[in-house]
Amino acid sequence: MSLLAIGSSLELDALSTLGFEVMKISKILSEDEREEILGRVITSKLVIIEEEIYKQLKDRLRDLLKILHSPPLIVVVPTLEKNKTYRLEELHDIISHAVGVRLKWKR
């Protein structure tokens, strides 16, 4: 099984002990880095990707995963730098759209 972890934080290095291939990249991706990441995602079974990187790749990643016969499992993990996560906001928007009303946050 091909396991891949993509991100810029030091916490991802620990995943290498579990058999993950760790791609350490900068938070702002160049076009070449995007292509390299997408190429590695295609050949993987499980991909753990940091939220900052996912935001930059999500549209191209979604299009790519639609055409793959057996797409990898993508796990988006937040960075420890922020209190609120982008993925949580994205899921809130998706659920609000699905039920047809804007849901309120309960804090």
PDB file of N, CA and C in Angstrom:
ATOM      1  N   MET A   1       0.850  -1.177   0.000  1.00  0.00           N
ATOM      2  CA  MET A   1       0.000   0.000   0.000  1.00  0.00           C
ATOM      3  C   MET A   1       0.893   1.236   0.000  1.00  0.00           C
ATOM      4  N   SER A   2       0.531   2.209  -0.791  1.00  0.00           N
ATOM      5  CA  SER A   2       1.303   3.433  -0.907  1.00  0.00           C
ATOM      6  C   SER A   2       0.683   4.513  -0.028  1.00  0.00           C
ATOM      7  N   LEU A   3       1.439   4.979   0.950  1.00  0.00           N
ATOM      8  CA  LEU A   3       0.974   5.986   1.895  1.00  0.00           C
ATOM      9  C   LEU A   3       1.775   7.265   1.691  1.00  0.00           C
ATOM     10  N   LEU A   4       1.085   8.393   1.602  1.00  0.00           N
ATOM     11  CA  LEU A   4       1.731   9.658   1.313  1.00  0.00           C
ATOM     12  C   LEU A   4       1.247  10.729   2.279  1.00  0.00           C
ATOM     13  N   ALA A   5       2.163  11.524   2.818  1.00  0.00           N
ATOM     14  CA  ALA A   5       1.833  12.666   3.672  1.00  0.00           C
ATOM     15  C   ALA A   5       2.445  13.910   3.033  1.00  0.00           C
ATOM     16  N   ILE A   6       1.612  14.960   2.877  1.00  0.00           N
ATOM     17  CA  ILE A   6       2.052  16.178   2.197  1.00  0.00           C
ATOM     18  C   ILE A   6       1.833  17.361   3.109  1.00  0.00           C
ATOM     19  N   GLY A   7       2.877  18.171   3.302  1.00  0.00           N
ATOM     20  CA  GLY A   7       2.724  19.361   4.124  1.00  0.00           C
ATOM     21  C   GLY A   7       4.037  20.035   4.410  1.00  0.00           C
ATOM     22  N   SER A   8       3.960  21.063   5.249  1.00  0.00           N
ATOM     23  CA  SER A   8       5.156  21.837   5.574  1.00  0.00           C
ATOM     24  C   SER A   8       5.535  21.772   7.056  1.00  0.00           C
ATOM     25  N   SER A   9       4.684  21.218   7.893  1.00  0.00           N
ATOM     26  CA  SER A   9       4.968  21.218   9.331  1.00  0.00           C
ATOM     27  C   SER A   9       5.850  20.032   9.734  1.00  0.00           C
ATOM     28  N   LEU A  10       6.535  20.208  10.835  1.00  0.00           N
ATOM     29  CA  LEU A  10       7.437  19.168  11.336  1.00  0.00           C
ATOM     30  C   LEU A  10       6.699  17.942  11.862  1.00  0.00           C
ATOM     31  N   GLU A  11       5.432  18.119  12.231  1.00  0.00           N
ATOM     32  CA  GLU A  11       4.657  17.008  12.785  1.00  0.00           C
ATOM     33  C   GLU A  11       4.500  15.851  11.795  1.00  0.00           C
ATOM     34  N   LEU A  12       4.562  16.152  10.508  1.00  0.00           N
ATOM     35  CA  LEU A  12       4.394  15.109   9.498  1.00  0.00           C
ATOM     36  C   LEU A  12       5.567  14.136   9.462  1.00  0.00           C
ATOM     37  N   ASP A  13       6.719  14.558   9.939  1.00  0.00           N
ATOM     38  CA  ASP A  13       7.892  13.684   9.926  1.00  0.00           C
ATOM     39  C   ASP A  13       7.659  12.406  10.727  1.00  0.00           C
ATOM     40  N   ALA A  14       6.846  12.472  11.757  1.00  0.00           N
ATOM     41  CA  ALA A  14       6.565  11.293  12.582  1.00  0.00           C
ATOM     42  C   ALA A  14       5.853  10.208  11.783  1.00  0.00           C
ATOM     43  N   LEU A  15       5.142  10.590  10.735  1.00  0.00           N
ATOM     44  CA  LEU A  15       4.426   9.600   9.930  1.00  0.00           C
ATOM     45  C   LEU A  15       5.364   8.690   9.143  1.00  0.00           C
ATOM     46  N   SER A  16       6.588   9.119   8.944  1.00  0.00           N
ATOM     47  CA  SER A  16       7.533   8.266   8.222  1.00  0.00           C
ATOM     48  C   SER A  16       7.822   6.976   8.998  1.00  0.00           C
ATOM     49  N   THR A  17       7.716   7.014  10.319  1.00  0.00           N
ATOM     50  CA  THR A  17       7.924   5.801  11.118  1.00  0.00           C
ATOM     51  C   THR A  17       6.794   4.799  10.928  1.00  0.00           C
ATOM     52  N   LEU A  18       5.654   5.285  10.432  1.00  0.00           N
ATOM     53  CA  LEU A  18       4.514   4.399  10.164  1.00  0.00           C
ATOM     54  C   LEU A  18       4.472   3.923   8.713  1.00  0.00           C
ATOM     55  N   GLY A  19       5.489   4.268   7.946  1.00  0.00           N
ATOM     56  CA  GLY A  19       5.568   3.808   6.570  1.00  0.00           C
ATOM     57  C   GLY A  19       5.097   4.812   5.532  1.00  0.00           C
ATOM     58  N   PHE A  20       4.813   6.028   5.933  1.00  0.00           N
ATOM     59  CA  PHE A  20       4.388   7.054   4.994  1.00  0.00           C
ATOM     60  C   PHE A  20       5.591   7.637   4.274  1.00  0.00           C
ATOM     61  N   GLU A  21       5.395   7.958   3.019  1.00  0.00           N
ATOM     62  CA  GLU A  21       6.362   8.772   2.296  1.00  0.00           C
ATOM     63  C   GLU A  21       5.971  10.222   2.585  1.00  0.00           C
ATOM     64  N   VAL A  22       6.866  11.010   3.131  1.00  0.00           N
ATOM     65  CA  VAL A  22       6.552  12.378   3.539  1.00  0.00           C
ATOM     66  C   VAL A  22       7.116  13.353   2.511  1.00  0.00           C
ATOM     67  N   MET A  23       6.229  14.182   1.953  1.00  0.00           N
ATOM     68  CA  MET A  23       6.632  15.253   1.034  1.00  0.00           C
ATOM     69  C   MET A  23       6.603  16.561   1.798  1.00  0.00           C
ATOM     70  N   LYS A  24       7.770  17.118   2.086  1.00  0.00           N
ATOM     71  CA  LYS A  24       7.855  18.408   2.762  1.00  0.00           C
ATOM     72  C   LYS A  24       7.943  19.482   1.694  1.00  0.00           C
ATOM     73  N   ILE A  25       6.960  20.376   1.691  1.00  0.00           N
ATOM     74  CA  ILE A  25       6.921  21.434   0.691  1.00  0.00           C
ATOM     75  C   ILE A  25       6.577  22.760   1.351  1.00  0.00           C
ATOM     76  N   SER A  26       6.799  23.841   0.624  1.00  0.00           N
ATOM     77  CA  SER A  26       6.475  25.164   1.153  1.00  0.00           C
ATOM     78  C   SER A  26       4.959  25.367   1.123  1.00  0.00           C
ATOM     79  N   LYS A  27       4.497  26.356   1.871  1.00  0.00           N
ATOM     80  CA  LYS A  27       3.054  26.600   1.958  1.00  0.00           C
ATOM     81  C   LYS A  27       2.468  27.161   0.678  1.00  0.00           C
ATOM     82  N   ILE A  28       3.280  27.861  -0.116  1.00  0.00           N
ATOM     83  CA  ILE A  28       2.824  28.389  -1.394  1.00  0.00           C
ATOM     84  C   ILE A  28       3.445  27.535  -2.493  1.00  0.00           C
ATOM     85  N   LEU A  29       2.585  26.913  -3.303  1.00  0.00           N
ATOM     86  CA  LEU A  29       3.046  25.955  -4.300  1.00  0.00           C
ATOM     87  C   LEU A  29       3.303  26.604  -5.648  1.00  0.00           C
ATOM     88  N   SER A  30       4.367  26.160  -6.293  1.00  0.00           N
ATOM     89  CA  SER A  30       4.597  26.544  -7.683  1.00  0.00           C
ATOM     90  C   SER A  30       3.821  25.570  -8.567  1.00  0.00           C
ATOM     91  N   GLU A  31       3.731  25.875  -9.842  1.00  0.00           N
ATOM     92  CA  GLU A  31       2.996  24.996 -10.763  1.00  0.00           C
ATOM     93  C   GLU A  31       3.673  23.632 -10.875  1.00  0.00           C
ATOM     94  N   ASP A  32       4.997  23.608 -10.849  1.00  0.00           N
ATOM     95  CA  ASP A  32       5.722  22.332 -10.914  1.00  0.00           C
ATOM     96  C   ASP A  32       5.448  21.473  -9.678  1.00  0.00           C
ATOM     97  N   GLU A  33       5.414  22.101  -8.510  1.00  0.00           N
ATOM     98  CA  GLU A  33       5.117  21.364  -7.278  1.00  0.00           C
ATOM     99  C   GLU A  33       3.697  20.807  -7.315  1.00  0.00           C
ATOM    100  N   ARG A  34       2.755  21.575  -7.828  1.00  0.00           N
ATOM    101  CA  ARG A  34       1.368  21.096  -7.939  1.00  0.00           C
ATOM    102  C   ARG A  34       1.291  19.854  -8.809  1.00  0.00           C
ATOM    103  N   GLU A  35       1.973  19.899  -9.953  1.00  0.00           N
ATOM    104  CA  GLU A  35       1.959  18.751 -10.855  1.00  0.00           C
ATOM    105  C   GLU A  35       2.609  17.528 -10.213  1.00  0.00           C
ATOM    106  N   GLU A  36       3.713  17.744  -9.505  1.00  0.00           N
ATOM    107  CA  GLU A  36       4.390  16.631  -8.830  1.00  0.00           C
ATOM    108  C   GLU A  36       3.490  16.006  -7.763  1.00  0.00           C
ATOM    109  N   ILE A  37       2.821  16.854  -6.982  1.00  0.00           N
ATOM    110  CA  ILE A  37       1.926  16.348  -5.935  1.00  0.00           C
ATOM    111  C   ILE A  37       0.791  15.547  -6.544  1.00  0.00           C
ATOM    112  N   LEU A  38       0.149  16.089  -7.573  1.00  0.00           N
ATOM    113  CA  LEU A  38      -0.971  15.386  -8.203  1.00  0.00           C
ATOM    114  C   LEU A  38      -0.528  14.053  -8.800  1.00  0.00           C
ATOM    115  N   GLY A  39       0.664  14.013  -9.358  1.00  0.00           N
ATOM    116  CA  GLY A  39       1.202  12.753  -9.891  1.00  0.00           C
ATOM    117  C   GLY A  39       1.424  11.720  -8.803  1.00  0.00           C
ATOM    118  N   ARG A  40       1.879  12.147  -7.641  1.00  0.00           N
ATOM    119  CA  ARG A  40       2.104  11.217  -6.531  1.00  0.00           C
ATOM    120  C   ARG A  40       0.787  10.771  -5.909  1.00  0.00           C
ATOM    121  N   VAL A  41      -0.204  11.667  -5.898  1.00  0.00           N
ATOM    122  CA  VAL A  41      -1.523  11.315  -5.348  1.00  0.00           C
ATOM    123  C   VAL A  41      -2.154  10.193  -6.167  1.00  0.00           C
ATOM    124  N   ILE A  42      -2.007  10.246  -7.474  1.00  0.00           N
ATOM    125  CA  ILE A  42      -2.595   9.229  -8.357  1.00  0.00           C
ATOM    126  C   ILE A  42      -2.107   7.830  -8.003  1.00  0.00           C
ATOM    127  N   THR A  43      -0.841   7.704  -7.636  1.00  0.00           N
ATOM    128  CA  THR A  43      -0.263   6.385  -7.374  1.00  0.00           C
ATOM    129  C   THR A  43      -0.393   5.940  -5.921  1.00  0.00           C
ATOM    130  N   SER A  44      -1.022   6.746  -5.085  1.00  0.00           N
ATOM    131  CA  SER A  44      -1.140   6.423  -3.658  1.00  0.00           C
ATOM    132  C   SER A  44      -2.499   5.823  -3.336  1.00  0.00           C
ATOM    133  N   LYS A  45      -2.557   5.152  -2.204  1.00  0.00           N
ATOM    134  CA  LYS A  45      -3.817   4.605  -1.692  1.00  0.00           C
ATOM    135  C   LYS A  45      -4.392   5.480  -0.582  1.00  0.00           C
ATOM    136  N   LEU A  46      -3.507   6.128   0.191  1.00  0.00           N
ATOM    137  CA  LEU A  46      -3.914   6.997   1.288  1.00  0.00           C
ATOM    138  C   LEU A  46      -3.031   8.237   1.268  1.00  0.00           C
ATOM    139  N   VAL A  47      -3.662   9.415   1.299  1.00  0.00           N
ATOM    140  CA  VAL A  47      -2.927  10.675   1.278  1.00  0.00           C
ATOM    141  C   VAL A  47      -3.386  11.534   2.449  1.00  0.00           C
ATOM    142  N   ILE A  48      -2.447  11.905   3.301  1.00  0.00           N
ATOM    143  CA  ILE A  48      -2.710  12.865   4.367  1.00  0.00           C
ATOM    144  C   ILE A  48      -2.130  14.191   3.890  1.00  0.00           C
ATOM    145  N   ILE A  49      -2.979  15.200   3.821  1.00  0.00           N
ATOM    146  CA  ILE A  49      -2.553  16.486   3.273  1.00  0.00           C
ATOM    147  C   ILE A  49      -2.941  17.610   4.221  1.00  0.00           C
ATOM    148  N   GLU A  50      -2.010  18.521   4.448  1.00  0.00           N
ATOM    149  CA  GLU A  50      -2.292  19.656   5.327  1.00  0.00           C
ATOM    150  C   GLU A  50      -3.274  20.603   4.650  1.00  0.00           C
ATOM    151  N   GLU A  51      -4.050  21.243   5.478  1.00  0.00           N
ATOM    152  CA  GLU A  51      -5.133  22.105   5.034  1.00  0.00           C
ATOM    153  C   GLU A  51      -4.673  23.230   4.095  1.00  0.00           C
ATOM    154  N   GLU A  52      -3.541  23.852   4.386  1.00  0.00           N
ATOM    155  CA  GLU A  52      -3.040  24.954   3.552  1.00  0.00           C
ATOM    156  C   GLU A  52      -2.729  24.479   2.138  1.00  0.00           C
ATOM    157  N   ILE A  53      -2.190  23.290   2.022  1.00  0.00           N
ATOM    158  CA  ILE A  53      -1.865  22.724   0.709  1.00  0.00           C
ATOM    159  C   ILE A  53      -3.153  22.301   0.006  1.00  0.00           C
ATOM    160  N   TYR A  54      -4.068  21.691   0.757  1.00  0.00           N
ATOM    161  CA  TYR A  54      -5.347  21.250   0.191  1.00  0.00           C
ATOM    162  C   TYR A  54      -6.120  22.417  -0.429  1.00  0.00           C
ATOM    163  N   LYS A  55      -6.114  23.579   0.231  1.00  0.00           N
ATOM    164  CA  LYS A  55      -6.834  24.740  -0.299  1.00  0.00           C
ATOM    165  C   LYS A  55      -6.335  25.116  -1.685  1.00  0.00           C
ATOM    166  N   GLN A  56      -5.049  24.964  -1.914  1.00  0.00           N
ATOM    167  CA  GLN A  56      -4.477  25.322  -3.205  1.00  0.00           C
ATOM    168  C   GLN A  56      -4.737  24.282  -4.287  1.00  0.00           C
ATOM    169  N   LEU A  57      -5.002  23.051  -3.872  1.00  0.00           N
ATOM    170  CA  LEU A  57      -5.155  21.950  -4.829  1.00  0.00           C
ATOM    171  C   LEU A  57      -6.575  21.425  -4.969  1.00  0.00           C
ATOM    172  N   LYS A  58      -7.517  21.908  -4.166  1.00  0.00           N
ATOM    173  CA  LYS A  58      -8.797  21.219  -4.042  1.00  0.00           C
ATOM    174  C   LYS A  58      -9.577  21.113  -5.350  1.00  0.00           C
ATOM    175  N   ASP A  59      -9.597  22.149  -6.180  1.00  0.00           N
ATOM    176  CA  ASP A  59     -10.355  22.070  -7.427  1.00  0.00           C
ATOM    177  C   ASP A  59      -9.744  21.069  -8.403  1.00  0.00           C
ATOM    178  N   ARG A  60      -8.431  21.128  -8.561  1.00  0.00           N
ATOM    179  CA  ARG A  60      -7.764  20.191  -9.464  1.00  0.00           C
ATOM    180  C   ARG A  60      -7.809  18.773  -8.909  1.00  0.00           C
ATOM    181  N   LEU A  61      -7.721  18.659  -7.601  1.00  0.00           N
ATOM    182  CA  LEU A  61      -7.787  17.355  -6.954  1.00  0.00           C
ATOM    183  C   LEU A  61      -9.170  16.731  -7.136  1.00  0.00           C
ATOM    184  N   ARG A  62     -10.214  17.529  -6.974  1.00  0.00           N
ATOM    185  CA  ARG A  62     -11.583  17.042  -7.155  1.00  0.00           C
ATOM    186  C   ARG A  62     -11.796  16.532  -8.583  1.00  0.00           C
ATOM    187  N   ASP A  63     -11.327  17.299  -9.570  1.00  0.00           N
ATOM    188  CA  ASP A  63     -11.456  16.877 -10.967  1.00  0.00           C
ATOM    189  C   ASP A  63     -10.692  15.594 -11.234  1.00  0.00           C
ATOM    190  N   LEU A  64      -9.509  15.486 -10.678  1.00  0.00           N
ATOM    191  CA  LEU A  64      -8.674  14.304 -10.863  1.00  0.00           C
ATOM    192  C   LEU A  64      -9.310  13.065 -10.232  1.00  0.00           C
ATOM    193  N   LEU A  65      -9.839  13.212  -9.021  1.00  0.00           N
ATOM    194  CA  LEU A  65     -10.420  12.068  -8.319  1.00  0.00           C
ATOM    195  C   LEU A  65     -11.684  11.552  -8.995  1.00  0.00           C
ATOM    196  N   LYS A  66     -12.382  12.416  -9.714  1.00  0.00           N
ATOM    197  CA  LYS A  66     -13.600  11.991 -10.422  1.00  0.00           C
ATOM    198  C   LYS A  66     -13.302  10.995 -11.532  1.00  0.00           C
ATOM    199  N   ILE A  67     -12.135  11.111 -12.166  1.00  0.00           N
ATOM    200  CA  ILE A  67     -11.843  10.253 -13.315  1.00  0.00           C
ATOM    201  C   ILE A  67     -11.049   8.991 -12.950  1.00  0.00           C
ATOM    202  N   LEU A  68     -10.533   8.917 -11.738  1.00  0.00           N
ATOM    203  CA  LEU A  68      -9.776   7.727 -11.332  1.00  0.00           C
ATOM    204  C   LEU A  68     -10.708   6.564 -11.032  1.00  0.00           C
ATOM    205  N   HIS A  69     -10.286   5.385 -11.441  1.00  0.00           N
ATOM    206  CA  HIS A  69     -11.081   4.176 -11.194  1.00  0.00           C
ATOM    207  C   HIS A  69     -11.127   3.826  -9.712  1.00  0.00           C
ATOM    208  N   SER A  70      -9.984   3.874  -9.053  1.00  0.00           N
ATOM    209  CA  SER A  70      -9.943   3.643  -7.605  1.00  0.00           C
ATOM    210  C   SER A  70      -9.130   4.767  -6.957  1.00  0.00           C
ATOM    211  N   PRO A  71      -9.809   5.872  -6.637  1.00  0.00           N
ATOM    212  CA  PRO A  71      -9.105   7.029  -6.081  1.00  0.00           C
ATOM    213  C   PRO A  71      -8.591   6.763  -4.668  1.00  0.00           C
ATOM    214  N   PRO A  72      -7.545   7.471  -4.276  1.00  0.00           N
ATOM    215  CA  PRO A  72      -7.020   7.298  -2.916  1.00  0.00           C
ATOM    216  C   PRO A  72      -7.928   7.961  -1.883  1.00  0.00           C
ATOM    217  N   LEU A  73      -7.783   7.533  -0.660  1.00  0.00           N
ATOM    218  CA  LEU A  73      -8.461   8.180   0.452  1.00  0.00           C
ATOM    219  C   LEU A  73      -7.664   9.432   0.793  1.00  0.00           C
ATOM    220  N   ILE A  74      -8.340  10.583   0.782  1.00  0.00           N
ATOM    221  CA  ILE A  74      -7.688  11.860   1.081  1.00  0.00           C
ATOM    222  C   ILE A  74      -8.119  12.291   2.482  1.00  0.00           C
ATOM    223  N   VAL A  75      -7.143  12.528   3.355  1.00  0.00           N
ATOM    224  CA  VAL A  75      -7.416  12.985   4.716  1.00  0.00           C
ATOM    225  C   VAL A  75      -6.802  14.375   4.855  1.00  0.00           C
ATOM    226  N   VAL A  76      -7.660  15.368   5.095  1.00  0.00           N
ATOM    227  CA  VAL A  76      -7.191  16.742   5.259  1.00  0.00           C
ATOM    228  C   VAL A  76      -7.018  17.003   6.751  1.00  0.00           C
ATOM    229  N   VAL A  77      -5.803  17.388   7.130  1.00  0.00           N
ATOM    230  CA  VAL A  77      -5.509  17.648   8.544  1.00  0.00           C
ATOM    231  C   VAL A  77      -5.206  19.129   8.734  1.00  0.00           C
ATOM    232  N   PRO A  78      -5.695  19.705   9.820  1.00  0.00           N
ATOM    233  CA  PRO A  78      -5.398  21.131  10.076  1.00  0.00           C
ATOM    234  C   PRO A  78      -3.972  21.301  10.570  1.00  0.00           C
ATOM    235  N   THR A  79      -3.460  22.497  10.392  1.00  0.00           N
ATOM    236  CA  THR A  79      -2.165  22.822  10.964  1.00  0.00           C
ATOM    237  C   THR A  79      -2.386  23.295  12.397  1.00  0.00           C
ATOM    238  N   LEU A  80      -1.364  23.226  13.189  1.00  0.00           N
ATOM    239  CA  LEU A  80      -1.494  23.626  14.589  1.00  0.00           C
ATOM    240  C   LEU A  80      -1.429  25.139  14.765  1.00  0.00           C
ATOM    241  N   GLU A  81      -1.186  25.869  13.681  1.00  0.00           N
ATOM    242  CA  GLU A  81      -1.022  27.315  13.759  1.00  0.00           C
ATOM    243  C   GLU A  81      -2.333  28.067  13.930  1.00  0.00           C
ATOM    244  N   LYS A  82      -3.431  27.497  13.460  1.00  0.00           N
ATOM    245  CA  LYS A  82      -4.700  28.221  13.469  1.00  0.00           C
ATOM    246  C   LYS A  82      -5.693  27.595  14.436  1.00  0.00           C
ATOM    247  N   ASN A  83      -6.579  28.413  14.949  1.00  0.00           N
ATOM    248  CA  ASN A  83      -7.632  27.959  15.848  1.00  0.00           C
ATOM    249  C   ASN A  83      -8.804  27.363  15.075  1.00  0.00           C
ATOM    250  N   LYS A  84      -9.170  28.003  13.987  1.00  0.00           N
ATOM    251  CA  LYS A  84     -10.312  27.590  13.177  1.00  0.00           C
ATOM    252  C   LYS A  84      -9.813  26.972  11.879  1.00  0.00           C
ATOM    253  N   THR A  85     -10.461  25.907  11.416  1.00  0.00           N
ATOM    254  CA  THR A  85      -9.983  25.235  10.222  1.00  0.00           C
ATOM    255  C   THR A  85     -10.833  25.569   9.016  1.00  0.00           C
ATOM    256  N   TYR A  86     -10.188  25.598   7.867  1.00  0.00           N
ATOM    257  CA  TYR A  86     -10.865  25.837   6.603  1.00  0.00           C
ATOM    258  C   TYR A  86     -11.813  24.688   6.285  1.00  0.00           C
ATOM    259  N   ARG A  87     -11.389  23.476   6.554  1.00  0.00           N
ATOM    260  CA  ARG A  87     -12.192  22.293   6.231  1.00  0.00           C
ATOM    261  C   ARG A  87     -13.511  22.312   6.998  1.00  0.00           C
ATOM    262  N   LEU A  88     -13.491  22.755   8.243  1.00  0.00           N
ATOM    263  CA  LEU A  88     -14.712  22.855   9.027  1.00  0.00           C
ATOM    264  C   LEU A  88     -15.676  23.860   8.400  1.00  0.00           C
ATOM    265  N   GLU A  89     -15.155  24.984   7.938  1.00  0.00           N
ATOM    266  CA  GLU A  89     -15.995  25.980   7.260  1.00  0.00           C
ATOM    267  C   GLU A  89     -16.568  25.419   5.963  1.00  0.00           C
ATOM    268  N   GLU A  90     -15.740  24.671   5.230  1.00  0.00           N
ATOM    269  CA  GLU A  90     -16.190  24.071   3.971  1.00  0.00           C
ATOM    270  C   GLU A  90     -17.309  23.056   4.216  1.00  0.00           C
ATOM    271  N   LEU A  91     -17.158  22.221   5.235  1.00  0.00           N
ATOM    272  CA  LEU A  91     -18.203  21.246   5.562  1.00  0.00           C
ATOM    273  C   LEU A  91     -19.484  21.936   6.024  1.00  0.00           C
ATOM    274  N   HIS A  92     -19.358  23.028   6.765  1.00  0.00           N
ATOM    275  CA  HIS A  92     -20.517  23.806   7.196  1.00  0.00           C
ATOM    276  C   HIS A  92     -21.289  24.332   5.987  1.00  0.00           C
ATOM    277  N   ASP A  93     -20.559  24.840   4.988  1.00  0.00           N
ATOM    278  CA  ASP A  93     -21.197  25.350   3.773  1.00  0.00           C
ATOM    279  C   ASP A  93     -21.886  24.237   2.984  1.00  0.00           C
ATOM    280  N   ILE A  94     -21.256  23.085   2.896  1.00  0.00           N
ATOM    281  CA  ILE A  94     -21.831  21.954   2.158  1.00  0.00           C
ATOM    282  C   ILE A  94     -23.123  21.480   2.828  1.00  0.00           C
ATOM    283  N   ILE A  95     -23.101  21.342   4.144  1.00  0.00           N
ATOM    284  CA  ILE A  95     -24.292  20.887   4.868  1.00  0.00           C
ATOM    285  C   ILE A  95     -25.398  21.932   4.800  1.00  0.00           C
ATOM    286  N   SER A  96     -25.044  23.210   4.925  1.00  0.00           N
ATOM    287  CA  SER A  96     -26.046  24.285   4.811  1.00  0.00           C
ATOM    288  C   SER A  96     -26.702  24.259   3.442  1.00  0.00           C
ATOM    289  N   HIS A  97     -25.915  24.049   2.412  1.00  0.00           N
ATOM    290  CA  HIS A  97     -26.455  23.977   1.059  1.00  0.00           C
ATOM    291  C   HIS A  97     -27.370  22.760   0.897  1.00  0.00           C
ATOM    292  N   ALA A  98     -26.970  21.636   1.488  1.00  0.00           N
ATOM    293  CA  ALA A  98     -27.752  20.401   1.359  1.00  0.00           C
ATOM    294  C   ALA A  98     -29.129  20.512   2.023  1.00  0.00           C
ATOM    295  N   VAL A  99     -29.203  21.184   3.169  1.00  0.00           N
ATOM    296  CA  VAL A  99     -30.492  21.289   3.863  1.00  0.00           C
ATOM    297  C   VAL A  99     -31.288  22.509   3.416  1.00  0.00           C
ATOM    298  N   GLY A 100     -30.649  23.411   2.657  1.00  0.00           N
ATOM    299  CA  GLY A 100     -31.370  24.527   2.083  1.00  0.00           C
ATOM    300  C   GLY A 100     -31.479  25.777   2.941  1.00  0.00           C
ATOM    301  N   VAL A 101     -30.825  25.793   4.084  1.00  0.00           N
ATOM    302  CA  VAL A 101     -30.803  26.979   4.948  1.00  0.00           C
ATOM    303  C   VAL A 101     -29.390  27.165   5.480  1.00  0.00           C
ATOM    304  N   ARG A 102     -29.084  28.401   5.806  1.00  0.00           N
ATOM    305  CA  ARG A 102     -27.761  28.680   6.374  1.00  0.00           C
ATOM    306  C   ARG A 102     -27.781  28.310   7.860  1.00  0.00           C
ATOM    307  N   LEU A 103     -27.000  27.325   8.221  1.00  0.00           N
ATOM    308  CA  LEU A 103     -26.949  26.864   9.604  1.00  0.00           C
ATOM    309  C   LEU A 103     -26.150  27.840  10.465  1.00  0.00           C
ATOM    310  N   LYS A 104     -26.525  27.950  11.716  1.00  0.00           N
ATOM    311  CA  LYS A 104     -25.791  28.798  12.651  1.00  0.00           C
ATOM    312  C   LYS A 104     -24.745  27.958  13.373  1.00  0.00           C
ATOM    313  N   TRP A 105     -23.646  28.603  13.730  1.00  0.00           N
ATOM    314  CA  TRP A 105     -22.606  27.965  14.505  1.00  0.00           C
ATOM    315  C   TRP A 105     -22.995  27.947  15.971  1.00  0.00           C
ATOM    316  N   LYS A 106     -22.899  26.833  16.619  1.00  0.00           N
ATOM    317  CA  LYS A 106     -23.102  26.771  18.053  1.00  0.00           C
ATOM    318  C   LYS A 106     -21.726  26.650  18.695  1.00  0.00           C
ATOM    319  N   ARG A 107     -21.377  27.655  19.459  1.00  0.00           N
ATOM    320  CA  ARG A 107     -20.028  27.672  20.052  1.00  0.00           C
ATOM    321  C   ARG A 107     -20.096  27.540  21.535  1.00  0.00           C
TER     322      ARG A 107
END
